[in-house]
Amino acid sequence: MRKDVAHDGMAMTYDQIAARLGISRQGVKKIERRALRKLRNSATVQFVRAETARRNHEEAVVDSAVNLRFAKSQRSE
């Protein structure tokens, strides 16, 4: 039995949500799966993933440059 949080902050089970909406428990799960799929594939999520990848790449490049400078400075000492 999974609990989800409703808009009012109260935890609700699938059965409680189904009763409130007048649909089956399976119907609630189906709607949830569809909504989560849409969120995963949304343009905003894709943008955030791309931006995160870009920033991680930039950080890796900076780290490599810092390590290279450090290695060069160690050789010259």
PDB file of N, CA and C in Angstrom:
ATOM      1  N   MET A   1       0.850  -1.174   0.000  1.00  0.00           N
ATOM      2  CA  MET A   1       0.000   0.000   0.000  1.00  0.00           C
ATOM      3  C   MET A   1       0.895   1.236   0.000  1.00  0.00           C
ATOM      4  N   ARG A   2       0.840   1.961  -1.062  1.00  0.00           N
ATOM      5  CA  ARG A   2       1.649   3.162  -1.200  1.00  0.00           C
ATOM      6  C   ARG A   2       0.853   4.369  -0.738  1.00  0.00           C
ATOM      7  N   LYS A   3       1.539   5.310  -0.139  1.00  0.00           N
ATOM      8  CA  LYS A   3       0.858   6.531   0.284  1.00  0.00           C
ATOM      9  C   LYS A   3       1.375   7.701  -0.526  1.00  0.00           C
ATOM     10  N   ASP A   4       0.484   8.525  -0.973  1.00  0.00           N
ATOM     11  CA  ASP A   4       0.834   9.734  -1.694  1.00  0.00           C
ATOM     12  C   ASP A   4       0.311  10.923  -0.908  1.00  0.00           C
ATOM     13  N   VAL A   5       0.890  12.070  -1.149  1.00  0.00           N
ATOM     14  CA  VAL A   5       0.474  13.266  -0.436  1.00  0.00           C
ATOM     15  C   VAL A   5      -0.474  14.069  -1.321  1.00  0.00           C
ATOM     16  N   ALA A   6      -1.623  14.390  -0.791  1.00  0.00           N
ATOM     17  CA  ALA A   6      -2.620  15.173  -1.518  1.00  0.00           C
ATOM     18  C   ALA A   6      -2.274  16.656  -1.399  1.00  0.00           C
ATOM     19  N   HIS A   7      -3.032  17.484  -2.096  1.00  0.00           N
ATOM     20  CA  HIS A   7      -2.783  18.925  -2.070  1.00  0.00           C
ATOM     21  C   HIS A   7      -2.888  19.514  -0.663  1.00  0.00           C
ATOM     22  N   ASP A   8      -3.712  18.914   0.183  1.00  0.00           N
ATOM     23  CA  ASP A   8      -3.891  19.446   1.533  1.00  0.00           C
ATOM     24  C   ASP A   8      -2.834  18.931   2.510  1.00  0.00           C
ATOM     25  N   GLY A   9      -1.852  18.164   2.013  1.00  0.00           N
ATOM     26  CA  GLY A   9      -0.781  17.676   2.856  1.00  0.00           C
ATOM     27  C   GLY A   9      -1.078  16.371   3.562  1.00  0.00           C
ATOM     28  N   MET A  10      -2.276  15.850   3.403  1.00  0.00           N
ATOM     29  CA  MET A  10      -2.651  14.597   4.043  1.00  0.00           C
ATOM     30  C   MET A  10      -2.249  13.430   3.148  1.00  0.00           C
ATOM     31  N   ALA A  11      -1.679  12.389   3.761  1.00  0.00           N
ATOM     32  CA  ALA A  11      -1.299  11.194   3.013  1.00  0.00           C
ATOM     33  C   ALA A  11      -2.563  10.422   2.633  1.00  0.00           C
ATOM     34  N   MET A  12      -2.584   9.932   1.395  1.00  0.00           N
ATOM     35  CA  MET A  12      -3.737   9.164   0.916  1.00  0.00           C
ATOM     36  C   MET A  12      -3.239   7.904   0.217  1.00  0.00           C
ATOM     37  N   THR A  13      -3.966   6.815   0.374  1.00  0.00           N
ATOM     38  CA  THR A  13      -3.640   5.584  -0.330  1.00  0.00           C
ATOM     39  C   THR A  13      -4.290   5.621  -1.709  1.00  0.00           C
ATOM     40  N   TYR A  14      -3.874   4.664  -2.568  1.00  0.00           N
ATOM     41  CA  TYR A  14      -4.504   4.556  -3.881  1.00  0.00           C
ATOM     42  C   TYR A  14      -6.007   4.342  -3.745  1.00  0.00           C
ATOM     43  N   ASP A  15      -6.390   3.533  -2.770  1.00  0.00           N
ATOM     44  CA  ASP A  15      -7.823   3.261  -2.572  1.00  0.00           C
ATOM     45  C   ASP A  15      -8.585   4.532  -2.198  1.00  0.00           C
ATOM     46  N   GLN A  16      -8.012   5.361  -1.355  1.00  0.00           N
ATOM     47  CA  GLN A  16      -8.669   6.607  -0.952  1.00  0.00           C
ATOM     48  C   GLN A  16      -8.787   7.570  -2.138  1.00  0.00           C
ATOM     49  N   ILE A  17      -7.719   7.640  -2.933  1.00  0.00           N
ATOM     50  CA  ILE A  17      -7.760   8.507  -4.114  1.00  0.00           C
ATOM     51  C   ILE A  17      -8.814   8.005  -5.095  1.00  0.00           C
ATOM     52  N   ALA A  18      -8.847   6.686  -5.281  1.00  0.00           N
ATOM     53  CA  ALA A  18      -9.824   6.085  -6.195  1.00  0.00           C
ATOM     54  C   ALA A  18     -11.249   6.384  -5.745  1.00  0.00           C
ATOM     55  N   ALA A  19     -11.510   6.267  -4.452  1.00  0.00           N
ATOM     56  CA  ALA A  19     -12.845   6.543  -3.928  1.00  0.00           C
ATOM     57  C   ALA A  19     -13.222   8.002  -4.135  1.00  0.00           C
ATOM     58  N   ARG A  20     -12.259   8.905  -3.917  1.00  0.00           N
ATOM     59  CA  ARG A  20     -12.525  10.326  -4.077  1.00  0.00           C
ATOM     60  C   ARG A  20     -12.821  10.680  -5.532  1.00  0.00           C
ATOM     61  N   LEU A  21     -12.092  10.032  -6.460  1.00  0.00           N
ATOM     62  CA  LEU A  21     -12.272  10.335  -7.882  1.00  0.00           C
ATOM     63  C   LEU A  21     -13.356   9.484  -8.553  1.00  0.00           C
ATOM     64  N   GLY A  22     -13.806   8.451  -7.862  1.00  0.00           N
ATOM     65  CA  GLY A  22     -14.840   7.592  -8.417  1.00  0.00           C
ATOM     66  C   GLY A  22     -14.321   6.683  -9.521  1.00  0.00           C
ATOM     67  N   ILE A  23     -13.070   6.258  -9.398  1.00  0.00           N
ATOM     68  CA  ILE A  23     -12.475   5.338 -10.372  1.00  0.00           C
ATOM     69  C   ILE A  23     -11.838   4.179  -9.616  1.00  0.00           C
ATOM     70  N   SER A  24     -11.338   3.197 -10.356  1.00  0.00           N
ATOM     71  CA  SER A  24     -10.715   2.047  -9.707  1.00  0.00           C
ATOM     72  C   SER A  24      -9.305   2.381  -9.239  1.00  0.00           C
ATOM     73  N   ARG A  25      -8.801   1.532  -8.363  1.00  0.00           N
ATOM     74  CA  ARG A  25      -7.430   1.683  -7.874  1.00  0.00           C
ATOM     75  C   ARG A  25      -6.438   1.579  -9.042  1.00  0.00           C
ATOM     76  N   GLN A  26      -6.729   0.654  -9.954  1.00  0.00           N
ATOM     77  CA  GLN A  26      -5.881   0.484 -11.135  1.00  0.00           C
ATOM     78  C   GLN A  26      -5.920   1.727 -12.016  1.00  0.00           C
ATOM     79  N   GLY A  27      -7.080   2.383 -12.061  1.00  0.00           N
ATOM     80  CA  GLY A  27      -7.206   3.624 -12.822  1.00  0.00           C
ATOM     81  C   GLY A  27      -6.310   4.724 -12.262  1.00  0.00           C
ATOM     82  N   VAL A  28      -6.228   4.785 -10.934  1.00  0.00           N
ATOM     83  CA  VAL A  28      -5.362   5.773 -10.286  1.00  0.00           C
ATOM     84  C   VAL A  28      -3.908   5.487 -10.640  1.00  0.00           C
ATOM     85  N   LYS A  29      -3.506   4.218 -10.581  1.00  0.00           N
ATOM     86  CA  LYS A  29      -2.130   3.855 -10.917  1.00  0.00           C
ATOM     87  C   LYS A  29      -1.814   4.172 -12.380  1.00  0.00           C
ATOM     88  N   LYS A  30      -2.784   3.922 -13.254  1.00  0.00           N
ATOM     89  CA  LYS A  30      -2.588   4.191 -14.685  1.00  0.00           C
ATOM     90  C   LYS A  30      -2.379   5.694 -14.911  1.00  0.00           C
ATOM     91  N   ILE A  31      -3.204   6.514 -14.267  1.00  0.00           N
ATOM     92  CA  ILE A  31      -3.062   7.970 -14.385  1.00  0.00           C
ATOM     93  C   ILE A  31      -1.702   8.413 -13.838  1.00  0.00           C
ATOM     94  N   GLU A  32      -1.297   7.838 -12.720  1.00  0.00           N
ATOM     95  CA  GLU A  32      -0.005   8.182 -12.121  1.00  0.00           C
ATOM     96  C   GLU A  32       1.144   7.833 -13.068  1.00  0.00           C
ATOM     97  N   ARG A  33       1.111   6.622 -13.639  1.00  0.00           N
ATOM     98  CA  ARG A  33       2.170   6.201 -14.572  1.00  0.00           C
ATOM     99  C   ARG A  33       2.253   7.142 -15.770  1.00  0.00           C
ATOM    100  N   ARG A  34       1.091   7.494 -16.304  1.00  0.00           N
ATOM    101  CA  ARG A  34       1.042   8.380 -17.472  1.00  0.00           C
ATOM    102  C   ARG A  34       1.602   9.765 -17.119  1.00  0.00           C
ATOM    103  N   ALA A  35       1.229  10.283 -15.961  1.00  0.00           N
ATOM    104  CA  ALA A  35       1.703  11.602 -15.540  1.00  0.00           C
ATOM    105  C   ALA A  35       3.213  11.593 -15.311  1.00  0.00           C
ATOM    106  N   LEU A  36       3.719  10.549 -14.669  1.00  0.00           N
ATOM    107  CA  LEU A  36       5.156  10.460 -14.425  1.00  0.00           C
ATOM    108  C   LEU A  36       5.933  10.333 -15.739  1.00  0.00           C
ATOM    109  N   ARG A  37       5.384   9.588 -16.696  1.00  0.00           N
ATOM    110  CA  ARG A  37       6.025   9.466 -18.008  1.00  0.00           C
ATOM    111  C   ARG A  37       6.091  10.819 -18.696  1.00  0.00           C
ATOM    112  N   LYS A  38       4.992  11.576 -18.616  1.00  0.00           N
ATOM    113  CA  LYS A  38       4.975  12.903 -19.236  1.00  0.00           C
ATOM    114  C   LYS A  38       5.988  13.825 -18.570  1.00  0.00           C
ATOM    115  N   LEU A  39       6.105  13.742 -17.256  1.00  0.00           N
ATOM    116  CA  LEU A  39       7.076  14.573 -16.543  1.00  0.00           C
ATOM    117  C   LEU A  39       8.501  14.213 -16.944  1.00  0.00           C
ATOM    118  N   ARG A  40       8.781  12.913 -17.046  1.00  0.00           N
ATOM    119  CA  ARG A  40      10.123  12.486 -17.428  1.00  0.00           C
ATOM    120  C   ARG A  40      10.481  12.954 -18.827  1.00  0.00           C
ATOM    121  N   ASN A  41       9.501  13.025 -19.716  1.00  0.00           N
ATOM    122  CA  ASN A  41       9.754  13.381 -21.100  1.00  0.00           C
ATOM    123  C   ASN A  41       9.489  14.845 -21.408  1.00  0.00           C
ATOM    124  N   SER A  42       9.164  15.628 -20.410  1.00  0.00           N
ATOM    125  CA  SER A  42       8.812  17.023 -20.662  1.00  0.00           C
ATOM    126  C   SER A  42      10.026  17.824 -21.119  1.00  0.00           C
ATOM    127  N   ALA A  43       9.774  18.899 -21.800  1.00  0.00           N
ATOM    128  CA  ALA A  43      10.848  19.755 -22.306  1.00  0.00           C
ATOM    129  C   ALA A  43      11.665  20.335 -21.161  1.00  0.00           C
ATOM    130  N   THR A  44      11.024  20.668 -20.063  1.00  0.00           N
ATOM    131  CA  THR A  44      11.734  21.232 -18.917  1.00  0.00           C
ATOM    132  C   THR A  44      12.729  20.227 -18.356  1.00  0.00           C
ATOM    133  N   VAL A  45      12.297  18.990 -18.200  1.00  0.00           N
ATOM    134  CA  VAL A  45      13.179  17.962 -17.662  1.00  0.00           C
ATOM    135  C   VAL A  45      14.331  17.720 -18.630  1.00  0.00           C
ATOM    136  N   GLN A  46      14.034  17.686 -19.913  1.00  0.00           N
ATOM    137  CA  GLN A  46      15.095  17.490 -20.904  1.00  0.00           C
ATOM    138  C   GLN A  46      16.096  18.642 -20.850  1.00  0.00           C
ATOM    139  N   PHE A  47      15.607  19.860 -20.671  1.00  0.00           N
ATOM    140  CA  PHE A  47      16.498  21.017 -20.559  1.00  0.00           C
ATOM    141  C   PHE A  47      17.388  20.888 -19.329  1.00  0.00           C
ATOM    142  N   VAL A  48      16.795  20.531 -18.199  1.00  0.00           N
ATOM    143  CA  VAL A  48      17.558  20.413 -16.960  1.00  0.00           C
ATOM    144  C   VAL A  48      18.624  19.324 -17.106  1.00  0.00           C
ATOM    145  N   ARG A  49      18.260  18.199 -17.711  1.00  0.00           N
ATOM    146  CA  ARG A  49      19.242  17.131 -17.923  1.00  0.00           C
ATOM    147  C   ARG A  49      20.381  17.612 -18.811  1.00  0.00           C
ATOM    148  N   ALA A  50      20.060  18.304 -19.896  1.00  0.00           N
ATOM    149  CA  ALA A  50      21.089  18.809 -20.811  1.00  0.00           C
ATOM    150  C   ALA A  50      21.978  19.831 -20.113  1.00  0.00           C
ATOM    151  N   GLU A  51      21.375  20.718 -19.345  1.00  0.00           N
ATOM    152  CA  GLU A  51      22.140  21.746 -18.628  1.00  0.00           C
ATOM    153  C   GLU A  51      23.053  21.107 -17.589  1.00  0.00           C
ATOM    154  N   THR A  52      22.563  20.103 -16.890  1.00  0.00           N
ATOM    155  CA  THR A  52      23.370  19.400 -15.901  1.00  0.00           C
ATOM    156  C   THR A  52      24.555  18.708 -16.572  1.00  0.00           C
ATOM    157  N   ALA A  53      24.307  18.073 -17.702  1.00  0.00           N
ATOM    158  CA  ALA A  53      25.387  17.408 -18.438  1.00  0.00           C
ATOM    159  C   ALA A  53      26.422  18.428 -18.907  1.00  0.00           C
ATOM    160  N   ARG A  54      25.955  19.573 -19.393  1.00  0.00           N
ATOM    161  CA  ARG A  54      26.873  20.615 -19.856  1.00  0.00           C
ATOM    162  C   ARG A  54      27.748  21.119 -18.700  1.00  0.00           C
ATOM    163  N   ARG A  55      27.127  21.365 -17.558  1.00  0.00           N
ATOM    164  CA  ARG A  55      27.880  21.865 -16.402  1.00  0.00           C
ATOM    165  C   ARG A  55      28.870  20.825 -15.898  1.00  0.00           C
ATOM    166  N   ASN A  56      28.451  19.560 -15.886  1.00  0.00           N
ATOM    167  CA  ASN A  56      29.363  18.499 -15.462  1.00  0.00           C
ATOM    168  C   ASN A  56      30.557  18.425 -16.394  1.00  0.00           C
ATOM    169  N   HIS A  57      30.312  18.595 -17.693  1.00  0.00           N
ATOM    170  CA  HIS A  57      31.396  18.579 -18.674  1.00  0.00           C
ATOM    171  C   HIS A  57      32.342  19.758 -18.429  1.00  0.00           C
ATOM    172  N   GLU A  58      31.786  20.946 -18.205  1.00  0.00           N
ATOM    173  CA  GLU A  58      32.619  22.124 -17.944  1.00  0.00           C
ATOM    174  C   GLU A  58      33.463  21.930 -16.684  1.00  0.00           C
ATOM    175  N   GLU A  59      32.861  21.359 -15.645  1.00  0.00           N
ATOM    176  CA  GLU A  59      33.607  21.118 -14.411  1.00  0.00           C
ATOM    177  C   GLU A  59      34.735  20.126 -14.649  1.00  0.00           C
ATOM    178  N   ALA A  60      34.485  19.111 -15.459  1.00  0.00           N
ATOM    179  CA  ALA A  60      35.516  18.121 -15.766  1.00  0.00           C
ATOM    180  C   ALA A  60      36.669  18.768 -16.529  1.00  0.00           C
ATOM    181  N   VAL A  61      36.353  19.668 -17.455  1.00  0.00           N
ATOM    182  CA  VAL A  61      37.389  20.365 -18.218  1.00  0.00           C
ATOM    183  C   VAL A  61      38.225  21.238 -17.291  1.00  0.00           C
ATOM    184  N   VAL A  62      37.572  21.967 -16.404  1.00  0.00           N
ATOM    185  CA  VAL A  62      38.291  22.818 -15.454  1.00  0.00           C
ATOM    186  C   VAL A  62      39.163  21.967 -14.539  1.00  0.00           C
ATOM    187  N   ASP A  63      38.621  20.876 -14.033  1.00  0.00           N
ATOM    188  CA  ASP A  63      39.403  19.987 -13.168  1.00  0.00           C
ATOM    189  C   ASP A  63      40.635  19.456 -13.893  1.00  0.00           C
ATOM    190  N   SER A  64      40.481  19.103 -15.156  1.00  0.00           N
ATOM    191  CA  SER A  64      41.612  18.602 -15.935  1.00  0.00           C
ATOM    192  C   SER A  64      42.675  19.682 -16.096  1.00  0.00           C
ATOM    193  N   ALA A  65      42.242  20.902 -16.358  1.00  0.00           N
ATOM    194  CA  ALA A  65      43.190  22.009 -16.517  1.00  0.00           C
ATOM    195  C   ALA A  65      43.937  22.277 -15.214  1.00  0.00           C
ATOM    196  N   VAL A  66      43.231  22.255 -14.112  1.00  0.00           N
ATOM    197  CA  VAL A  66      43.859  22.482 -12.810  1.00  0.00           C
ATOM    198  C   VAL A  66      44.862  21.369 -12.521  1.00  0.00           C
ATOM    199  N   ASN A  67      44.483  20.128 -12.788  1.00  0.00           N
ATOM    200  CA  ASN A  67      45.389  18.999 -12.543  1.00  0.00           C
ATOM    201  C   ASN A  67      46.621  19.092 -13.432  1.00  0.00           C
ATOM    202  N   LEU A  68      46.442  19.511 -14.677  1.00  0.00           N
ATOM    203  CA  LEU A  68      47.562  19.656 -15.597  1.00  0.00           C
ATOM    204  C   LEU A  68      48.526  20.739 -15.102  1.00  0.00           C
ATOM    205  N   ARG A  69      47.988  21.885 -14.679  1.00  0.00           N
ATOM    206  CA  ARG A  69      48.833  22.959 -14.153  1.00  0.00           C
ATOM    207  C   ARG A  69      49.587  22.510 -12.906  1.00  0.00           C
ATOM    208  N   PHE A  70      48.898  21.787 -12.039  1.00  0.00           N
ATOM    209  CA  PHE A  70      49.526  21.302 -10.824  1.00  0.00           C
ATOM    210  C   PHE A  70      50.658  20.334 -11.169  1.00  0.00           C
ATOM    211  N   ALA A  71      50.422  19.438 -12.103  1.00  0.00           N
ATOM    212  CA  ALA A  71      51.447  18.473 -12.505  1.00  0.00           C
ATOM    213  C   ALA A  71      52.652  19.184 -13.099  1.00  0.00           C
ATOM    214  N   LYS A  72      52.425  20.201 -13.919  1.00  0.00           N
ATOM    215  CA  LYS A  72      53.518  20.967 -14.515  1.00  0.00           C
ATOM    216  C   LYS A  72      54.309  21.703 -13.436  1.00  0.00           C
ATOM    217  N   SER A  73      53.616  22.264 -12.458  1.00  0.00           N
ATOM    218  CA  SER A  73      54.306  23.003 -11.404  1.00  0.00           C
ATOM    219  C   SER A  73      55.134  22.056 -10.532  1.00  0.00           C
ATOM    220  N   GLN A  74      54.691  20.840 -10.357  1.00  0.00           N
ATOM    221  CA  GLN A  74      55.425  19.857  -9.566  1.00  0.00           C
ATOM    222  C   GLN A  74      56.706  19.433 -10.284  1.00  0.00           C
ATOM    223  N   ARG A  75      56.652  19.361 -11.625  1.00  0.00           N
ATOM    224  CA  ARG A  75      57.812  18.964 -12.410  1.00  0.00           C
ATOM    225  C   ARG A  75      58.881  20.056 -12.401  1.00  0.00           C
ATOM    226  N   SER A  76      58.442  21.321 -12.369  1.00  0.00           N
ATOM    227  CA  SER A  76      59.402  22.432 -12.461  1.00  0.00           C
ATOM    228  C   SER A  76      60.092  22.712 -11.126  1.00  0.00           C
ATOM    229  N   GLU A  77      59.599  22.155 -10.047  1.00  0.00           N
ATOM    230  CA  GLU A  77      60.209  22.410  -8.720  1.00  0.00           C
ATOM    231  C   GLU A  77      61.418  21.579  -8.473  1.00  0.00           C
TER     232      GLU A  77
END
